[in-house]
Protein backbone atom coordinates (compact mmCIF):
# COMPACT_ATOMS: atom_id res chain seq x y z
CA MET A 1 -3.38 -20.22 21.57
CA ASN A 2 -2.77 -19.93 17.81
CA THR A 3 -6.05 -19.16 16.04
CA GLU A 4 -4.56 -18.38 12.62
CA PRO A 5 -5.88 -20.41 9.68
CA ASN A 6 -3.86 -23.45 8.75
CA PRO A 7 -3.83 -23.91 4.97
CA THR A 8 -4.07 -27.48 3.70
CA ARG A 9 -0.99 -28.64 1.81
CA ILE A 10 -1.85 -30.58 -1.35
CA ARG A 11 0.35 -32.23 -3.97
CA GLY A 12 -1.86 -31.34 -6.91
CA VAL A 13 -5.31 -30.07 -7.83
CA ARG A 14 -6.63 -33.61 -8.25
CA GLU A 15 -7.07 -33.59 -4.47
CA ILE A 16 -9.69 -30.80 -4.64
CA ILE A 17 -11.15 -31.27 -8.12
CA ASP A 18 -14.58 -32.28 -6.82
CA LYS A 19 -14.96 -29.29 -4.49
CA TYR A 20 -15.27 -26.37 -6.93
CA ARG A 21 -17.10 -25.86 -10.23
CA THR A 22 -15.45 -22.57 -11.24
CA TRP A 23 -11.70 -22.07 -11.23
CA PHE A 24 -10.22 -18.58 -11.46
CA VAL A 25 -6.58 -19.00 -12.45
CA ASP A 26 -3.88 -16.32 -12.51
CA ALA A 27 -1.59 -16.17 -15.55
CA TYR A 28 1.89 -14.87 -14.64
CA GLY A 29 3.49 -17.03 -11.95
CA VAL A 30 0.82 -19.74 -12.16
CA LEU A 31 0.36 -20.71 -15.81
CA HIS A 32 3.57 -19.28 -17.25
CA ASP A 33 6.65 -17.20 -16.42
CA GLY A 34 6.22 -14.66 -19.20
CA SER A 35 7.53 -16.92 -21.93
CA ALA A 36 6.68 -20.59 -21.40
CA ALA A 37 4.06 -22.62 -19.54
CA PHE A 38 5.23 -24.18 -16.30
CA PRO A 39 5.61 -27.98 -16.29
CA GLY A 40 2.30 -29.76 -15.67
CA VAL A 41 0.10 -26.72 -16.30
CA ILE A 42 -1.39 -27.83 -19.61
CA GLU A 43 -2.25 -31.25 -18.21
CA ALA A 44 -3.84 -29.67 -15.13
CA LEU A 45 -5.98 -27.32 -17.24
CA GLY A 46 -7.15 -30.22 -19.37
CA ARG A 47 -7.98 -32.42 -16.40
CA VAL A 48 -9.92 -29.65 -14.63
CA ARG A 49 -12.02 -29.02 -17.74
CA GLN A 50 -12.54 -32.76 -18.30
CA ALA A 51 -13.97 -32.90 -14.78
CA GLY A 52 -16.64 -30.42 -15.90
CA ALA A 53 -15.29 -27.31 -14.15
CA ARG A 54 -15.07 -23.92 -15.85
CA ILE A 55 -11.76 -22.07 -16.01
CA VAL A 56 -11.47 -18.30 -16.17
CA VAL A 57 -7.99 -16.80 -16.49
CA VAL A 58 -8.12 -13.81 -14.14
CA THR A 59 -5.05 -11.67 -14.59
CA ASN A 60 -3.75 -8.26 -13.59
CA SER A 61 -2.14 -7.95 -17.01
CA ALA A 62 -2.47 -4.43 -18.38
CA GLN A 63 -3.28 -5.94 -21.79
CA ARG A 64 -6.78 -6.48 -23.12
CA ILE A 65 -8.33 -9.94 -23.44
CA ASP A 66 -7.17 -10.63 -27.01
CA ALA A 67 -3.55 -9.78 -26.18
CA VAL A 68 -3.65 -11.95 -23.04
CA ALA A 69 -4.94 -14.84 -25.16
CA ALA A 70 -2.11 -14.29 -27.63
CA ARG A 71 0.47 -14.34 -24.81
CA LEU A 72 -1.01 -17.55 -23.43
CA GLY A 73 -0.83 -19.08 -26.90
CA ASN A 74 2.80 -18.06 -27.26
CA ALA A 75 3.47 -19.77 -23.93
CA GLY A 76 1.94 -22.98 -25.33
CA ILE A 77 -1.50 -22.63 -23.72
CA ALA A 78 -4.14 -22.87 -26.44
CA GLY A 79 -7.57 -21.26 -26.32
CA ASP A 80 -9.32 -24.58 -25.71
CA ALA A 81 -7.47 -24.97 -22.38
CA TYR A 82 -9.75 -22.45 -20.64
CA ASP A 83 -13.24 -20.96 -20.99
CA HIS A 84 -12.77 -17.21 -20.52
CA ILE A 85 -10.27 -14.46 -19.77
CA MET A 86 -10.71 -11.30 -17.71
CA SER A 87 -7.88 -8.79 -17.32
CA SER A 88 -7.29 -5.59 -15.42
CA GLY A 89 -6.24 -3.99 -18.70
CA GLU A 90 -9.59 -4.85 -20.28
CA LEU A 91 -11.48 -3.18 -17.45
CA SER A 92 -9.17 -0.15 -17.55
CA TRP A 93 -9.83 0.20 -21.28
CA ARG A 94 -13.58 0.00 -20.72
CA HIS A 95 -13.38 2.62 -17.98
CA LEU A 96 -11.52 5.05 -20.24
CA GLN A 97 -13.98 4.43 -23.07
CA ALA A 98 -16.87 5.17 -20.71
CA ALA A 99 -15.14 8.34 -19.48
CA ASN A 100 -14.64 9.46 -23.09
CA ALA A 101 -18.29 8.80 -23.94
CA SER A 102 -19.55 10.79 -20.95
CA SER A 103 -17.28 13.82 -21.43
CA THR A 104 -17.81 16.81 -23.70
CA ALA A 105 -14.03 16.90 -24.23
CA LEU A 106 -11.74 13.86 -24.19
CA PRO A 107 -9.84 13.63 -20.87
CA LYS A 108 -6.15 14.47 -21.26
CA LEU A 109 -3.84 11.66 -20.12
CA PHE A 110 -0.38 11.67 -18.59
CA VAL A 111 0.89 8.13 -19.23
CA ILE A 112 3.46 6.23 -17.16
CA ARG A 113 4.68 3.23 -19.13
CA GLU A 114 7.58 1.11 -20.25
CA ASP A 115 8.40 1.51 -23.95
CA ASN A 116 5.03 1.73 -25.75
CA GLY A 117 3.03 0.08 -22.95
CA PRO A 118 0.04 -2.20 -23.64
CA PHE A 119 -1.12 -2.40 -27.27
CA TRP A 120 -4.42 -0.62 -26.67
CA LEU A 121 -2.74 2.68 -25.84
CA ALA A 122 -2.28 3.23 -29.58
CA ASP A 123 -6.07 3.04 -30.05
CA LEU A 124 -6.97 5.67 -27.44
CA PRO A 125 -8.23 8.93 -28.96
CA ASN A 126 -7.29 10.89 -25.83
CA PRO A 127 -4.67 13.63 -25.96
CA ILE A 128 -1.41 12.55 -24.28
CA VAL A 129 0.26 15.40 -22.37
CA GLU A 130 3.92 15.79 -21.40
CA ARG A 131 3.31 17.45 -18.03
CA VAL A 132 1.30 15.75 -15.31
CA THR A 133 -0.12 19.12 -14.22
CA ASP A 134 -1.84 19.43 -17.62
CA ALA A 135 -3.59 16.05 -17.29
CA ASP A 136 -7.12 15.10 -16.32
CA LEU A 137 -6.00 11.55 -15.53
CA ILE A 138 -2.72 9.78 -14.83
CA LEU A 139 -2.68 6.38 -16.51
CA VAL A 140 -0.13 3.90 -15.14
CA ALA A 141 -0.08 1.49 -18.06
CA SER A 142 3.15 -0.33 -17.21
CA MET A 143 6.15 0.20 -14.94
CA PRO A 144 9.26 1.69 -16.57
CA HIS A 145 11.50 0.71 -13.62
CA ARG A 146 12.37 -2.87 -12.78
CA THR A 147 13.25 -2.38 -9.11
CA GLU A 148 12.11 -0.16 -6.26
CA GLU A 149 15.59 1.34 -6.02
CA ALA A 150 15.46 2.33 -9.69
CA ALA A 151 11.96 3.80 -9.29
CA ARG A 152 12.90 5.89 -6.25
CA SER A 153 16.06 7.21 -7.88
CA SER A 154 14.15 8.30 -11.01
CA ASP A 155 11.83 11.26 -11.53
CA LEU A 156 8.78 9.09 -10.79
CA MET A 157 8.34 10.28 -7.20
CA SER A 158 8.44 13.96 -8.25
CA ILE A 159 5.86 13.18 -10.95
CA LEU A 160 3.59 11.59 -8.36
CA GLU A 161 4.01 14.53 -6.02
CA ALA A 162 3.15 16.96 -8.83
CA GLY A 163 0.05 14.89 -9.62
CA ILE A 164 -1.04 15.09 -5.99
CA ALA A 165 -0.56 18.86 -5.93
CA ALA A 166 -2.69 19.18 -9.08
CA ARG A 167 -5.35 16.75 -7.72
CA VAL A 168 -5.11 14.47 -10.75
CA PRO A 169 -6.74 11.03 -10.28
CA MET A 170 -4.72 7.96 -11.24
CA VAL A 171 -6.00 4.95 -13.21
CA VAL A 172 -3.86 1.82 -12.78
CA ALA A 173 -4.06 -0.81 -15.51
CA ASP A 174 -2.22 -3.48 -13.48
CA SER A 175 -2.50 -3.70 -9.69
CA ASP A 176 0.53 -5.96 -9.17
CA GLU A 177 3.25 -4.35 -7.06
CA THR A 178 5.61 -7.09 -8.21
CA TYR A 179 5.32 -9.94 -10.70
CA PRO A 180 7.47 -12.83 -11.96
CA HIS A 181 8.99 -12.50 -15.42
CA ASN A 182 11.46 -14.95 -16.92
CA GLY A 183 12.58 -16.15 -13.50
CA LEU A 184 12.95 -12.67 -11.97
CA ILE A 185 10.63 -10.61 -9.76
CA ARG A 186 9.93 -7.22 -11.37
CA LEU A 187 8.29 -4.08 -10.06
CA GLY A 188 4.71 -3.60 -11.26
CA PRO A 189 2.36 -0.62 -11.74
CA GLY A 190 0.68 -1.39 -8.42
CA TRP A 191 3.81 -0.05 -6.72
CA ALA A 192 3.13 3.41 -8.16
CA ALA A 193 -0.51 3.13 -7.06
CA TRP A 194 0.43 2.48 -3.44
CA ARG A 195 2.90 5.37 -3.41
CA TYR A 196 0.18 7.66 -4.80
CA ILE A 197 -2.27 6.52 -2.14
CA GLU A 198 0.35 7.08 0.57
CA LEU A 199 0.80 10.64 -0.70
CA GLY A 200 -2.96 11.21 -0.50
CA GLY A 201 -3.92 10.74 -4.14
CA GLU A 202 -7.06 9.25 -5.68
CA VAL A 203 -6.46 5.88 -7.36
CA ILE A 204 -8.89 3.93 -9.55
CA GLU A 205 -8.09 0.21 -9.79
CA PHE A 206 -9.90 -2.77 -11.29
CA GLY A 207 -7.48 -5.65 -10.79
CA LYS A 208 -6.89 -8.10 -7.97
CA PRO A 209 -7.35 -7.79 -4.99
CA TYR A 210 -10.24 -5.43 -5.81
CA ALA A 211 -13.79 -6.52 -6.54
CA PRO A 212 -14.32 -5.33 -10.16
CA ILE A 213 -12.19 -7.98 -11.83
CA PHE A 214 -13.71 -10.79 -9.77
CA GLU A 215 -17.24 -9.53 -10.43
CA ALA A 216 -16.54 -9.33 -14.16
CA ALA A 217 -15.05 -12.83 -14.17
CA SER A 218 -18.02 -14.22 -12.25
CA ALA A 219 -20.42 -12.61 -14.71
CA LEU A 220 -18.74 -14.42 -17.60
CA CYS A 221 -19.87 -17.78 -16.30
CA GLY A 222 -22.66 -17.02 -13.83
CA ALA A 223 -20.63 -18.31 -10.90
CA ASP A 224 -21.42 -17.79 -7.23
CA ALA A 225 -18.79 -17.33 -4.53
CA GLY A 226 -19.32 -20.69 -2.83
CA ASN A 227 -18.32 -22.62 -5.96
CA ILE A 228 -15.24 -20.56 -6.88
CA ILE A 229 -11.58 -21.20 -6.12
CA MET A 230 -8.87 -18.67 -6.99
CA ILE A 231 -5.46 -20.10 -7.91
CA GLY A 232 -2.62 -17.59 -7.61
CA ASP A 233 0.99 -17.00 -6.67
CA ASN A 234 0.58 -13.66 -4.87
CA LEU A 235 -0.82 -13.26 -1.36
CA ALA A 236 -1.38 -9.51 -1.74
CA THR A 237 -3.52 -9.78 -4.88
CA ASP A 238 -4.77 -13.30 -5.68
CA ILE A 239 -5.25 -14.60 -2.15
CA ALA A 240 -6.26 -11.32 -0.49
CA GLY A 241 -8.82 -10.78 -3.24
CA ALA A 242 -10.23 -14.26 -2.82
CA CYS A 243 -10.56 -13.72 0.94
CA ARG A 244 -12.41 -10.44 0.39
CA MET A 245 -14.80 -12.05 -2.07
CA GLY A 246 -15.47 -15.16 0.02
CA PHE A 247 -13.76 -17.53 -2.45
CA ALA A 248 -11.59 -20.50 -1.61
CA SER A 249 -8.00 -20.06 -2.73
CA LEU A 250 -4.90 -22.02 -3.64
CA LEU A 251 -1.42 -20.51 -3.38
CA VAL A 252 1.15 -22.04 -5.74
CA LEU A 253 4.84 -21.68 -4.98
CA ASN A 254 6.76 -22.59 -8.12
CA GLY A 255 8.15 -19.57 -9.92
CA GLY A 256 5.82 -17.08 -8.28
CA VAL A 257 6.21 -14.12 -5.95
CA HIS A 258 6.51 -16.22 -2.77
CA GLY A 259 8.26 -19.27 -4.23
CA GLY A 260 11.51 -18.88 -2.30
CA LEU A 261 10.01 -18.28 1.16
CA SER A 262 10.37 -20.64 4.09
CA GLN A 263 7.23 -21.85 5.81
CA ALA A 264 7.77 -19.34 8.63
CA ASP A 265 8.33 -16.44 6.23
CA LEU A 266 5.29 -17.48 4.21
CA ALA A 267 3.18 -17.34 7.37
CA LYS A 268 4.56 -13.86 8.13
CA ALA A 269 3.66 -12.71 4.62
CA ALA A 270 0.14 -14.13 4.95
CA ARG A 271 -0.25 -12.38 8.30
CA ARG A 272 1.04 -9.09 6.89
CA ASN A 273 -1.40 -9.21 3.97
CA GLY A 274 -4.31 -10.60 5.98
CA ALA A 275 -4.52 -13.27 3.30
CA TRP A 276 -4.55 -16.93 4.27
CA PRO A 277 -5.00 -19.39 1.40
CA SER A 278 -7.29 -22.39 1.75
CA TYR A 279 -4.63 -24.58 0.15
CA ILE A 280 -0.94 -24.48 -0.74
CA ALA A 281 0.58 -26.52 -3.58
CA PRO A 282 3.99 -26.67 -5.26
CA GLY A 283 2.38 -25.57 -8.53
CA PHE A 284 -0.73 -25.70 -10.70
CA ILE A 285 -0.28 -29.38 -11.40
CA TRP A 286 -2.58 -32.36 -11.49
């Protein structure tokens, strides 16, 4: 007998608009693809807000709130389309600021990043070291490798092993192992986090699927779990996090991490992640 959950297939969010008063909505893969809003997204945001629901953009972006808002604006999603933003990067920044305030000497950072990484790195007063063995913290701010093959063939694994040997904790500004960008699926900082955990390292994370980002988002609007739905494209982060927190969830398939999967493969992925959405829709559309 099959006792696995059976997600409800819906054509658009109009079918569930009366069920939830607070909508947590992912950014990449749900609202936009890194450059432009997906078709129907702006209308859906407007209709949800017109119905009296609150919208919080809950994203694993390594950027702080103001930079996330700017990216949304560049994608055509204005600030009046949602109520709040909470990002993994914002919480990582706050954690580092708190660590600086509580230390007699600023913690030394070894930074893993692509190019210059998120904007806020330039504002950190912490010393940046060239050798991981000299660091007090490893900060994975962004992923310099686009694929797993590229990451494994680089010096990243030897850096992680050296960090383990030196017992250096890792702070991860973005928990996504993969994410959609301009129609492609790219490797995210969360991949480095999982490798570090597998090697026995200590990892500090704030983003989905972990509780801190959901708790911070809930605090912005005083929401309780029974009235929240999480809309995402990633079973391992958005949907798994919602399940852990006791939220309803909606998995969207257009342009996201699981968009090309068959129904059978989608069920396998849900089973593997222990993350069954309440609903499945073609996209965040009305």
